[in-house]
PDB file of N, CA and C in Angstrom:
ATOM      1  N   UNK A   1     -50.973  30.807   1.599  1.00  0.00           N
ATOM      2  CA  UNK A   1     -49.921  30.777   2.570  1.00  0.00           C
ATOM      3  C   UNK A   1     -49.751  29.387   3.174  1.00  0.00           C
ATOM      4  N   UNK A   2     -50.866  28.723   3.427  1.00  0.00           N
ATOM      5  CA  UNK A   2     -50.804  27.385   4.007  1.00  0.00           C
ATOM      6  C   UNK A   2     -50.265  26.370   3.006  1.00  0.00           C
ATOM      7  N   UNK A   3     -50.495  26.583   1.720  1.00  0.00           N
ATOM      8  CA  UNK A   3     -49.984  25.652   0.701  1.00  0.00           C
ATOM      9  C   UNK A   3     -48.460  25.644   0.697  1.00  0.00           C
ATOM     10  N   UNK A   4     -47.863  26.796   0.838  1.00  0.00           N
ATOM     11  CA  UNK A   4     -46.410  26.898   0.843  1.00  0.00           C
ATOM     12  C   UNK A   4     -45.840  26.166   2.053  1.00  0.00           C
ATOM     13  N   UNK A   5     -46.464  26.326   3.204  1.00  0.00           N
ATOM     14  CA  UNK A   5     -46.006  25.638   4.405  1.00  0.00           C
ATOM     15  C   UNK A   5     -46.088  24.129   4.238  1.00  0.00           C
ATOM     16  N   UNK A   6     -47.146  23.642   3.608  1.00  0.00           N
ATOM     17  CA  UNK A   6     -47.288  22.210   3.383  1.00  0.00           C
ATOM     18  C   UNK A   6     -46.198  21.676   2.459  1.00  0.00           C
ATOM     19  N   UNK A   7     -45.844  22.436   1.425  1.00  0.00           N
ATOM     20  CA  UNK A   7     -44.789  21.999   0.506  1.00  0.00           C
ATOM     21  C   UNK A   7     -43.462  21.855   1.241  1.00  0.00           C
ATOM     22  N   UNK A   8     -43.122  22.814   2.087  1.00  0.00           N
ATOM     23  CA  UNK A   8     -41.873  22.750   2.826  1.00  0.00           C
ATOM     24  C   UNK A   8     -41.862  21.593   3.816  1.00  0.00           C
ATOM     25  N   UNK A   9     -42.985  21.328   4.456  1.00  0.00           N
ATOM     26  CA  UNK A   9     -43.071  20.217   5.399  1.00  0.00           C
ATOM     27  C   UNK A   9     -42.897  18.893   4.674  1.00  0.00           C
ATOM     28  N   UNK A  10     -43.480  18.757   3.504  1.00  0.00           N
ATOM     29  CA  UNK A  10     -43.343  17.521   2.728  1.00  0.00           C
ATOM     30  C   UNK A  10     -41.889  17.327   2.317  1.00  0.00           C
ATOM     31  N   UNK A  11     -41.212  18.386   1.898  1.00  0.00           N
ATOM     32  CA  UNK A  11     -39.804  18.293   1.521  1.00  0.00           C
ATOM     33  C   UNK A  11     -38.947  17.903   2.716  1.00  0.00           C
ATOM     34  N   UNK A  12     -39.223  18.472   3.880  1.00  0.00           N
ATOM     35  CA  UNK A  12     -38.465  18.142   5.082  1.00  0.00           C
ATOM     36  C   UNK A  12     -38.612  16.673   5.436  1.00  0.00           C
ATOM     37  N   UNK A  13     -39.823  16.140   5.324  1.00  0.00           N
ATOM     38  CA  UNK A  13     -40.071  14.735   5.646  1.00  0.00           C
ATOM     39  C   UNK A  13     -39.326  13.841   4.661  1.00  0.00           C
ATOM     40  N   UNK A  14     -39.327  14.198   3.372  1.00  0.00           N
ATOM     41  CA  UNK A  14     -38.625  13.406   2.371  1.00  0.00           C
ATOM     42  C   UNK A  14     -37.122  13.424   2.624  1.00  0.00           C
ATOM     43  N   UNK A  15     -36.582  14.597   2.953  1.00  0.00           N
ATOM     44  CA  UNK A  15     -35.153  14.710   3.203  1.00  0.00           C
ATOM     45  C   UNK A  15     -34.732  13.891   4.415  1.00  0.00           C
ATOM     46  N   UNK A  16     -35.524  13.869   5.437  1.00  0.00           N
ATOM     47  CA  UNK A  16     -35.193  13.104   6.632  1.00  0.00           C
ATOM     48  C   UNK A  16     -35.213  11.608   6.344  1.00  0.00           C
ATOM     49  N   UNK A  17     -36.115  11.164   5.500  1.00  0.00           N
ATOM     50  CA  UNK A  17     -36.189   9.741   5.203  1.00  0.00           C
ATOM     51  C   UNK A  17     -35.058   9.300   4.274  1.00  0.00           C
ATOM     52  N   UNK A  18     -34.457  10.231   3.530  1.00  0.00           N
ATOM     53  CA  UNK A  18     -33.373   9.893   2.611  1.00  0.00           C
ATOM     54  C   UNK A  18     -32.003   9.921   3.278  1.00  0.00           C
ATOM     55  N   UNK A  19     -31.916  10.360   4.509  1.00  0.00           N
ATOM     56  CA  UNK A  19     -30.641  10.408   5.212  1.00  0.00           C
ATOM     57  C   UNK A  19     -30.100   9.007   5.438  1.00  0.00           C
ATOM     58  N   UNK A  20     -28.785   8.918   5.471  1.00  0.00           N
ATOM     59  CA  UNK A  20     -28.151   7.624   5.723  1.00  0.00           C
ATOM     60  C   UNK A  20     -28.275   7.269   7.195  1.00  0.00           C
ATOM     61  N   UNK A  21     -28.424   6.036   7.440  1.00  0.00           N
ATOM     62  CA  UNK A  21     -28.512   5.555   8.813  1.00  0.00           C
ATOM     63  C   UNK A  21     -27.107   5.289   9.354  1.00  0.00           C
ATOM     64  N   UNK A  22     -26.899   5.538  10.639  1.00  0.00           N
ATOM     65  CA  UNK A  22     -25.603   5.305  11.244  1.00  0.00           C
ATOM     66  C   UNK A  22     -25.380   3.834  11.583  1.00  0.00           C
ATOM     67  N   UNK A  23     -26.414   3.064  11.529  1.00  0.00           N
ATOM     68  CA  UNK A  23     -26.291   1.642  11.880  1.00  0.00           C
ATOM     69  C   UNK A  23     -25.470   0.861  10.857  1.00  0.00           C
ATOM     70  N   UNK A  24     -25.334   1.389   9.676  1.00  0.00           N
ATOM     71  CA  UNK A  24     -24.657   0.651   8.609  1.00  0.00           C
ATOM     72  C   UNK A  24     -23.133   0.768   8.668  1.00  0.00           C
ATOM     73  N   UNK A  25     -22.593   1.536   9.595  1.00  0.00           N
ATOM     74  CA  UNK A  25     -21.150   1.653   9.691  1.00  0.00           C
ATOM     75  C   UNK A  25     -20.556   0.328  10.154  1.00  0.00           C
ATOM     76  N   UNK A  26     -19.441  -0.039   9.532  1.00  0.00           N
ATOM     77  CA  UNK A  26     -18.759  -1.272   9.916  1.00  0.00           C
ATOM     78  C   UNK A  26     -17.735  -0.959  11.001  1.00  0.00           C
ATOM     79  N   UNK A  27     -17.514  -1.925  11.839  1.00  0.00           N
ATOM     80  CA  UNK A  27     -16.510  -1.757  12.880  1.00  0.00           C
ATOM     81  C   UNK A  27     -15.134  -1.858  12.242  1.00  0.00           C
ATOM     82  N   UNK A  28     -14.244  -0.993  12.676  1.00  0.00           N
ATOM     83  CA  UNK A  28     -12.883  -1.011  12.147  1.00  0.00           C
ATOM     84  C   UNK A  28     -12.087  -2.128  12.800  1.00  0.00           C
ATOM     85  N   UNK A  29     -11.153  -2.648  12.014  1.00  0.00           N
ATOM     86  CA  UNK A  29     -10.241  -3.632  12.567  1.00  0.00           C
ATOM     87  C   UNK A  29      -9.201  -2.894  13.401  1.00  0.00           C
ATOM     88  N   UNK A  30      -8.634  -3.554  14.381  1.00  0.00           N
ATOM     89  CA  UNK A  30      -7.630  -2.869  15.195  1.00  0.00           C
ATOM     90  C   UNK A  30      -6.434  -2.459  14.332  1.00  0.00           C
ATOM     91  N   UNK A  31      -5.876  -1.297  14.623  1.00  0.00           N
ATOM     92  CA  UNK A  31      -4.764  -0.803  13.824  1.00  0.00           C
ATOM     93  C   UNK A  31      -3.509  -1.636  14.091  1.00  0.00           C
ATOM     94  N   UNK A  32      -2.572  -1.553  13.155  1.00  0.00           N
ATOM     95  CA  UNK A  32      -1.345  -2.328  13.257  1.00  0.00           C
ATOM     96  C   UNK A  32      -0.439  -1.762  14.354  1.00  0.00           C
ATOM     97  N   UNK A  33       0.354  -2.625  14.942  1.00  0.00           N
ATOM     98  CA  UNK A  33       1.332  -2.165  15.925  1.00  0.00           C
ATOM     99  C   UNK A  33       2.491  -1.501  15.190  1.00  0.00           C
ATOM    100  N   UNK A  34       3.322  -0.793  15.923  1.00  0.00           N
ATOM    101  CA  UNK A  34       4.472  -0.118  15.317  1.00  0.00           C
ATOM    102  C   UNK A  34       5.412  -1.127  14.675  1.00  0.00           C
ATOM    103  N   UNK A  35       5.594  -2.268  15.323  1.00  0.00           N
ATOM    104  CA  UNK A  35       6.464  -3.309  14.769  1.00  0.00           C
ATOM    105  C   UNK A  35       5.935  -3.800  13.424  1.00  0.00           C
ATOM    106  N   UNK A  36       4.628  -4.003  13.345  1.00  0.00           N
ATOM    107  CA  UNK A  36       4.033  -4.470  12.094  1.00  0.00           C
ATOM    108  C   UNK A  36       4.124  -3.412  11.003  1.00  0.00           C
ATOM    109  N   UNK A  37       3.951  -2.148  11.375  1.00  0.00           N
ATOM    110  CA  UNK A  37       4.075  -1.065  10.402  1.00  0.00           C
ATOM    111  C   UNK A  37       5.488  -0.991   9.844  1.00  0.00           C
ATOM    112  N   UNK A  38       6.476  -1.106  10.731  1.00  0.00           N
ATOM    113  CA  UNK A  38       7.874  -1.051  10.291  1.00  0.00           C
ATOM    114  C   UNK A  38       8.199  -2.243   9.407  1.00  0.00           C
ATOM    115  N   UNK A  39       7.717  -3.414   9.795  1.00  0.00           N
ATOM    116  CA  UNK A  39       7.978  -4.618   8.991  1.00  0.00           C
ATOM    117  C   UNK A  39       7.390  -4.479   7.587  1.00  0.00           C
ATOM    118  N   UNK A  40       6.164  -4.008   7.491  1.00  0.00           N
ATOM    119  CA  UNK A  40       5.548  -3.870   6.171  1.00  0.00           C
ATOM    120  C   UNK A  40       6.234  -2.763   5.364  1.00  0.00           C
ATOM    121  N   UNK A  41       6.717  -1.711   6.030  1.00  0.00           N
ATOM    122  CA  UNK A  41       7.439  -0.640   5.343  1.00  0.00           C
ATOM    123  C   UNK A  41       8.735  -1.165   4.733  1.00  0.00           C
ATOM    124  N   UNK A  42       9.492  -1.927   5.506  1.00  0.00           N
ATOM    125  CA  UNK A  42      10.758  -2.471   5.010  1.00  0.00           C
ATOM    126  C   UNK A  42      10.494  -3.455   3.867  1.00  0.00           C
ATOM    127  N   UNK A  43       9.461  -4.292   4.012  1.00  0.00           N
ATOM    128  CA  UNK A  43       9.113  -5.235   2.939  1.00  0.00           C
ATOM    129  C   UNK A  43       8.735  -4.510   1.663  1.00  0.00           C
ATOM    130  N   UNK A  44       7.912  -3.480   1.800  1.00  0.00           N
ATOM    131  CA  UNK A  44       7.460  -2.725   0.622  1.00  0.00           C
ATOM    132  C   UNK A  44       8.643  -2.054  -0.071  1.00  0.00           C
ATOM    133  N   UNK A  45       9.542  -1.448   0.706  1.00  0.00           N
ATOM    134  CA  UNK A  45      10.733  -0.832   0.112  1.00  0.00           C
ATOM    135  C   UNK A  45      11.581  -1.858  -0.612  1.00  0.00           C
ATOM    136  N   UNK A  46      11.748  -3.010   0.006  1.00  0.00           N
ATOM    137  CA  UNK A  46      12.568  -4.061  -0.583  1.00  0.00           C
ATOM    138  C   UNK A  46      11.957  -4.582  -1.882  1.00  0.00           C
ATOM    139  N   UNK A  47      10.646  -4.746  -1.891  1.00  0.00           N
ATOM    140  CA  UNK A  47       9.976  -5.218  -3.105  1.00  0.00           C
ATOM    141  C   UNK A  47      10.070  -4.191  -4.230  1.00  0.00           C
ATOM    142  N   UNK A  48      10.160  -2.914  -3.870  1.00  0.00           N
ATOM    143  CA  UNK A  48      10.291  -1.856  -4.869  1.00  0.00           C
ATOM    144  C   UNK A  48      11.746  -1.577  -5.241  1.00  0.00           C
ATOM    145  N   UNK A  49      12.676  -2.337  -4.664  1.00  0.00           N
ATOM    146  CA  UNK A  49      14.081  -2.220  -5.037  1.00  0.00           C
ATOM    147  C   UNK A  49      14.874  -1.224  -4.223  1.00  0.00           C
ATOM    148  N   UNK A  50      14.467  -0.947  -3.003  1.00  0.00           N
ATOM    149  CA  UNK A  50      15.176   0.013  -2.159  1.00  0.00           C
ATOM    150  C   UNK A  50      15.546  -0.610  -0.825  1.00  0.00           C
ATOM    151  N   UNK A  51      16.697  -0.179  -0.296  1.00  0.00           N
ATOM    152  CA  UNK A  51      17.062  -0.506   1.073  1.00  0.00           C
ATOM    153  C   UNK A  51      16.343   0.458   2.005  1.00  0.00           C
ATOM    154  N   UNK A  52      16.252   0.082   3.277  1.00  0.00           N
ATOM    155  CA  UNK A  52      15.694   0.973   4.299  1.00  0.00           C
ATOM    156  C   UNK A  52      16.765   1.215   5.347  1.00  0.00           C
ATOM    157  N   UNK A  53      17.140   2.479   5.524  1.00  0.00           N
ATOM    158  CA  UNK A  53      18.123   2.811   6.552  1.00  0.00           C
ATOM    159  C   UNK A  53      17.469   2.716   7.924  1.00  0.00           C
ATOM    160  N   UNK A  54      18.211   2.193   8.873  1.00  0.00           N
ATOM    161  CA  UNK A  54      17.690   2.062  10.234  1.00  0.00           C
ATOM    162  C   UNK A  54      17.458   3.445  10.845  1.00  0.00           C
ATOM    163  N   UNK A  55      18.285   4.406  10.483  1.00  0.00           N
ATOM    164  CA  UNK A  55      18.130   5.761  11.031  1.00  0.00           C
ATOM    165  C   UNK A  55      16.822   6.409  10.579  1.00  0.00           C
ATOM    166  N   UNK A  56      16.269   5.942   9.472  1.00  0.00           N
ATOM    167  CA  UNK A  56      15.005   6.491   8.966  1.00  0.00           C
ATOM    168  C   UNK A  56      13.825   6.099   9.842  1.00  0.00           C
ATOM    169  N   UNK A  57      13.886   4.934  10.435  1.00  0.00           N
ATOM    170  CA  UNK A  57      12.736   4.383  11.154  1.00  0.00           C
ATOM    171  C   UNK A  57      12.335   5.226  12.361  1.00  0.00           C
ATOM    172  N   UNK A  58      13.311   5.791  13.070  1.00  0.00           N
ATOM    173  CA  UNK A  58      12.980   6.506  14.305  1.00  0.00           C
ATOM    174  C   UNK A  58      12.142   7.752  14.046  1.00  0.00           C
ATOM    175  N   UNK A  59      12.464   8.507  12.985  1.00  0.00           N
ATOM    176  CA  UNK A  59      11.652   9.706  12.765  1.00  0.00           C
ATOM    177  C   UNK A  59      10.440   9.453  11.879  1.00  0.00           C
ATOM    178  N   UNK A  60      10.487   8.424  11.038  1.00  0.00           N
ATOM    179  CA  UNK A  60       9.325   8.138  10.197  1.00  0.00           C
ATOM    180  C   UNK A  60       8.161   7.589  11.020  1.00  0.00           C
ATOM    181  N   UNK A  61       8.471   6.750  11.998  1.00  0.00           N
ATOM    182  CA  UNK A  61       7.421   6.122  12.804  1.00  0.00           C
ATOM    183  C   UNK A  61       7.323   6.716  14.204  1.00  0.00           C
ATOM    184  N   UNK A  62       8.026   7.803  14.462  1.00  0.00           N
ATOM    185  CA  UNK A  62       7.956   8.529  15.727  1.00  0.00           C
ATOM    186  C   UNK A  62       8.218   7.622  16.931  1.00  0.00           C
ATOM    187  N   UNK A  63       9.330   6.892  16.847  1.00  0.00           N
ATOM    188  CA  UNK A  63       9.774   6.050  17.958  1.00  0.00           C
ATOM    189  C   UNK A  63      11.196   6.463  18.319  1.00  0.00           C
ATOM    190  N   UNK A  64      11.629   6.102  19.507  1.00  0.00           N
ATOM    191  CA  UNK A  64      12.995   6.437  19.911  1.00  0.00           C
ATOM    192  C   UNK A  64      13.982   5.557  19.145  1.00  0.00           C
ATOM    193  N   UNK A  65      15.242   5.993  19.147  1.00  0.00           N
ATOM    194  CA  UNK A  65      16.261   5.219  18.434  1.00  0.00           C
ATOM    195  C   UNK A  65      16.445   3.842  19.057  1.00  0.00           C
ATOM    196  N   UNK A  66      16.382   3.773  20.375  1.00  0.00           N
ATOM    197  CA  UNK A  66      16.514   2.482  21.059  1.00  0.00           C
ATOM    198  C   UNK A  66      15.398   1.526  20.654  1.00  0.00           C
ATOM    199  N   UNK A  67      14.188   2.050  20.574  1.00  0.00           N
ATOM    200  CA  UNK A  67      13.053   1.220  20.163  1.00  0.00           C
ATOM    201  C   UNK A  67      13.231   0.752  18.727  1.00  0.00           C
ATOM    202  N   UNK A  68      13.684   1.654  17.859  1.00  0.00           N
ATOM    203  CA  UNK A  68      13.907   1.289  16.458  1.00  0.00           C
ATOM    204  C   UNK A  68      14.939   0.166  16.348  1.00  0.00           C
ATOM    205  N   UNK A  69      16.022   0.285  17.131  1.00  0.00           N
ATOM    206  CA  UNK A  69      17.051  -0.748  17.078  1.00  0.00           C
ATOM    207  C   UNK A  69      16.551  -2.078  17.638  1.00  0.00           C
ATOM    208  N   UNK A  70      15.721  -2.035  18.664  1.00  0.00           N
ATOM    209  CA  UNK A  70      15.197  -3.302  19.205  1.00  0.00           C
ATOM    210  C   UNK A  70      14.249  -3.963  18.197  1.00  0.00           C
ATOM    211  N   UNK A  71      13.464  -3.158  17.489  1.00  0.00           N
ATOM    212  CA  UNK A  71      12.575  -3.719  16.458  1.00  0.00           C
ATOM    213  C   UNK A  71      13.399  -4.304  15.323  1.00  0.00           C
ATOM    214  N   UNK A  72      14.469  -3.609  14.934  1.00  0.00           N
ATOM    215  CA  UNK A  72      15.352  -4.124  13.880  1.00  0.00           C
ATOM    216  C   UNK A  72      15.977  -5.439  14.318  1.00  0.00           C
ATOM    217  N   UNK A  73      16.376  -5.519  15.570  1.00  0.00           N
ATOM    218  CA  UNK A  73      16.935  -6.768  16.087  1.00  0.00           C
ATOM    219  C   UNK A  73      15.945  -7.915  16.007  1.00  0.00           C
ATOM    220  N   UNK A  74      14.691  -7.627  16.337  1.00  0.00           N
ATOM    221  CA  UNK A  74      13.656  -8.666  16.232  1.00  0.00           C
ATOM    222  C   UNK A  74      13.451  -9.100  14.786  1.00  0.00           C
ATOM    223  N   UNK A  75      13.450  -8.131  13.873  1.00  0.00           N
ATOM    224  CA  UNK A  75      13.253  -8.465  12.454  1.00  0.00           C
ATOM    225  C   UNK A  75      14.406  -9.302  11.917  1.00  0.00           C
ATOM    226  N   UNK A  76      15.624  -8.951  12.304  1.00  0.00           N
ATOM    227  CA  UNK A  76      16.790  -9.707  11.837  1.00  0.00           C
ATOM    228  C   UNK A  76      16.840 -11.096  12.449  1.00  0.00           C
ATOM    229  N   UNK A  77      16.439 -11.216  13.707  1.00  0.00           N
ATOM    230  CA  UNK A  77      16.465 -12.540  14.348  1.00  0.00           C
ATOM    231  C   UNK A  77      15.378 -13.443  13.792  1.00  0.00           C
ATOM    232  N   UNK A  78      14.324 -12.858  13.240  1.00  0.00           N
ATOM    233  CA  UNK A  78      13.264 -13.648  12.614  1.00  0.00           C
ATOM    234  C   UNK A  78      13.713 -14.339  11.339  1.00  0.00           C
ATOM    235  N   UNK A  79      14.755 -13.806  10.694  1.00  0.00           N
ATOM    236  CA  UNK A  79      15.305 -14.442   9.505  1.00  0.00           C
ATOM    237  C   UNK A  79      14.668 -14.005   8.195  1.00  0.00           C
ATOM    238  N   UNK A  80      13.670 -13.146   8.256  1.00  0.00           N
ATOM    239  CA  UNK A  80      13.028 -12.735   7.007  1.00  0.00           C
ATOM    240  C   UNK A  80      13.684 -11.495   6.403  1.00  0.00           C
ATOM    241  N   UNK A  81      14.640 -10.874   7.151  1.00  0.00           N
ATOM    242  CA  UNK A  81      15.322  -9.684   6.664  1.00  0.00           C
ATOM    243  C   UNK A  81      16.821  -9.835   6.803  1.00  0.00           C
ATOM    244  N   UNK A  82      17.556  -9.187   5.903  1.00  0.00           N
ATOM    245  CA  UNK A  82      19.013  -9.141   5.960  1.00  0.00           C
ATOM    246  C   UNK A  82      19.452  -7.703   6.145  1.00  0.00           C
ATOM    247  N   UNK A  83      20.686  -7.540   6.618  1.00  0.00           N
ATOM    248  CA  UNK A  83      21.217  -6.185   6.781  1.00  0.00           C
ATOM    249  C   UNK A  83      22.508  -6.043   5.995  1.00  0.00           C
ATOM    250  N   UNK A  84      22.749  -4.834   5.534  1.00  0.00           N
ATOM    251  CA  UNK A  84      23.959  -4.493   4.798  1.00  0.00           C
ATOM    252  C   UNK A  84      24.442  -3.164   5.366  1.00  0.00           C
ATOM    253  N   UNK A  85      25.754  -2.996   5.430  1.00  0.00           N
ATOM    254  CA  UNK A  85      26.292  -1.724   5.888  1.00  0.00           C
ATOM    255  C   UNK A  85      26.764  -0.919   4.688  1.00  0.00           C
ATOM    256  N   UNK A  86      26.422   0.357   4.682  1.00  0.00           N
ATOM    257  CA  UNK A  86      26.819   1.251   3.607  1.00  0.00           C
ATOM    258  C   UNK A  86      28.339   1.384   3.615  1.00  0.00           C
ATOM    259  N   UNK A  87      28.959   1.310   2.433  1.00  0.00           N
ATOM    260  CA  UNK A  87      30.416   1.372   2.337  1.00  0.00           C
ATOM    261  C   UNK A  87      30.972   2.729   2.757  1.00  0.00           C
ATOM    262  N   UNK A  88      30.234   3.785   2.510  1.00  0.00           N
ATOM    263  CA  UNK A  88      30.752   5.131   2.754  1.00  0.00           C
ATOM    264  C   UNK A  88      30.368   5.670   4.136  1.00  0.00           C
ATOM    265  N   UNK A  89      29.121   5.530   4.523  1.00  0.00           N
ATOM    266  CA  UNK A  89      28.662   6.109   5.799  1.00  0.00           C
ATOM    267  C   UNK A  89      28.677   5.097   6.936  1.00  0.00           C
ATOM    268  N   UNK A  90      28.663   3.818   6.626  1.00  0.00           N
ATOM    269  CA  UNK A  90      28.650   2.787   7.655  1.00  0.00           C
ATOM    270  C   UNK A  90      27.283   2.524   8.227  1.00  0.00           C
ATOM    271  N   UNK A  91      26.254   3.171   7.689  1.00  0.00           N
ATOM    272  CA  UNK A  91      24.895   2.979   8.202  1.00  0.00           C
ATOM    273  C   UNK A  91      24.361   1.593   7.838  1.00  0.00           C
ATOM    274  N   UNK A  92      23.543   1.064   8.735  1.00  0.00           N
ATOM    275  CA  UNK A  92      22.930  -0.232   8.480  1.00  0.00           C
ATOM    276  C   UNK A  92      21.676  -0.046   7.640  1.00  0.00           C
ATOM    277  N   UNK A  93      21.540  -0.906   6.626  1.00  0.00           N
ATOM    278  CA  UNK A  93      20.366  -0.874   5.762  1.00  0.00           C
ATOM    279  C   UNK A  93      19.703  -2.243   5.814  1.00  0.00           C
ATOM    280  N   UNK A  94      18.387  -2.245   5.682  1.00  0.00           N
ATOM    281  CA  UNK A  94      17.622  -3.488   5.739  1.00  0.00           C
ATOM    282  C   UNK A  94      16.958  -3.787   4.405  1.00  0.00           C
ATOM    283  N   UNK A  95      16.799  -5.070   4.127  1.00  0.00           N
ATOM    284  CA  UNK A  95      16.001  -5.514   2.984  1.00  0.00           C
ATOM    285  C   UNK A  95      15.544  -6.938   3.261  1.00  0.00           C
ATOM    286  N   UNK A  96      14.650  -7.446   2.422  1.00  0.00           N
ATOM    287  CA  UNK A  96      14.180  -8.817   2.578  1.00  0.00           C
ATOM    288  C   UNK A  96      15.340  -9.766   2.343  1.00  0.00           C
ATOM    289  N   UNK A  97      15.311 -10.894   3.018  1.00  0.00           N
ATOM    290  CA  UNK A  97      16.408 -11.851   2.867  1.00  0.00           C
ATOM    291  C   UNK A  97      16.425 -12.395   1.446  1.00  0.00           C
ATOM    292  N   UNK A  98      17.617 -12.517   0.902  1.00  0.00           N
ATOM    293  CA  UNK A  98      17.785 -13.015  -0.455  1.00  0.00           C
ATOM    294  C   UNK A  98      17.744 -11.922  -1.506  1.00  0.00           C
ATOM    295  N   UNK A  99      17.449 -10.709  -1.139  1.00  0.00           N
ATOM    296  CA  UNK A  99      17.371  -9.620  -2.117  1.00  0.00           C
ATOM    297  C   UNK A  99      18.540  -8.658  -2.006  1.00  0.00           C
ATOM    298  N   UNK A 100      19.544  -9.004  -1.222  1.00  0.00           N
ATOM    299  CA  UNK A 100      20.661  -8.092  -0.977  1.00  0.00           C
ATOM    300  C   UNK A 100      21.392  -7.773  -2.279  1.00  0.00           C
ATOM    301  N   UNK A 101      21.614  -8.765  -3.090  1.00  0.00           N
ATOM    302  CA  UNK A 101      22.413  -8.546  -4.293  1.00  0.00           C
ATOM    303  C   UNK A 101      21.576  -8.097  -5.481  1.00  0.00           C
ATOM    304  N   UNK A 102      20.269  -8.254  -5.405  1.00  0.00           N
ATOM    305  CA  UNK A 102      19.427  -7.846  -6.525  1.00  0.00           C
ATOM    306  C   UNK A 102      19.036  -6.377  -6.456  1.00  0.00           C
ATOM    307  N   UNK A 103      19.186  -5.749  -5.285  1.00  0.00           N
ATOM    308  CA  UNK A 103      18.795  -4.345  -5.162  1.00  0.00           C
ATOM    309  C   UNK A 103      19.867  -3.450  -5.719  1.00  0.00           C
TER     310      UNK A 103
END
């Protein structure tokens, strides 16, 4: 009976020593701001050959329409993005500057 208890105790000690230590976790970098997320989203769409509708930004990134428009204004004033209006719906679409005609 005592032999069985010793075997289980030895296994428990081995299992505890094989556990991962929590000290090895790396600190996370701070997450991106909403403006940075939107900018990278528009860039990625543009590089893949797609326009990004401004109306999409408010529900995709869970921001108000006013906030979405102010972010779009900042992106356009930066000069790295261009805007085009849809011929049929009149909606504004964004893409990287210089890619308007290639999309």
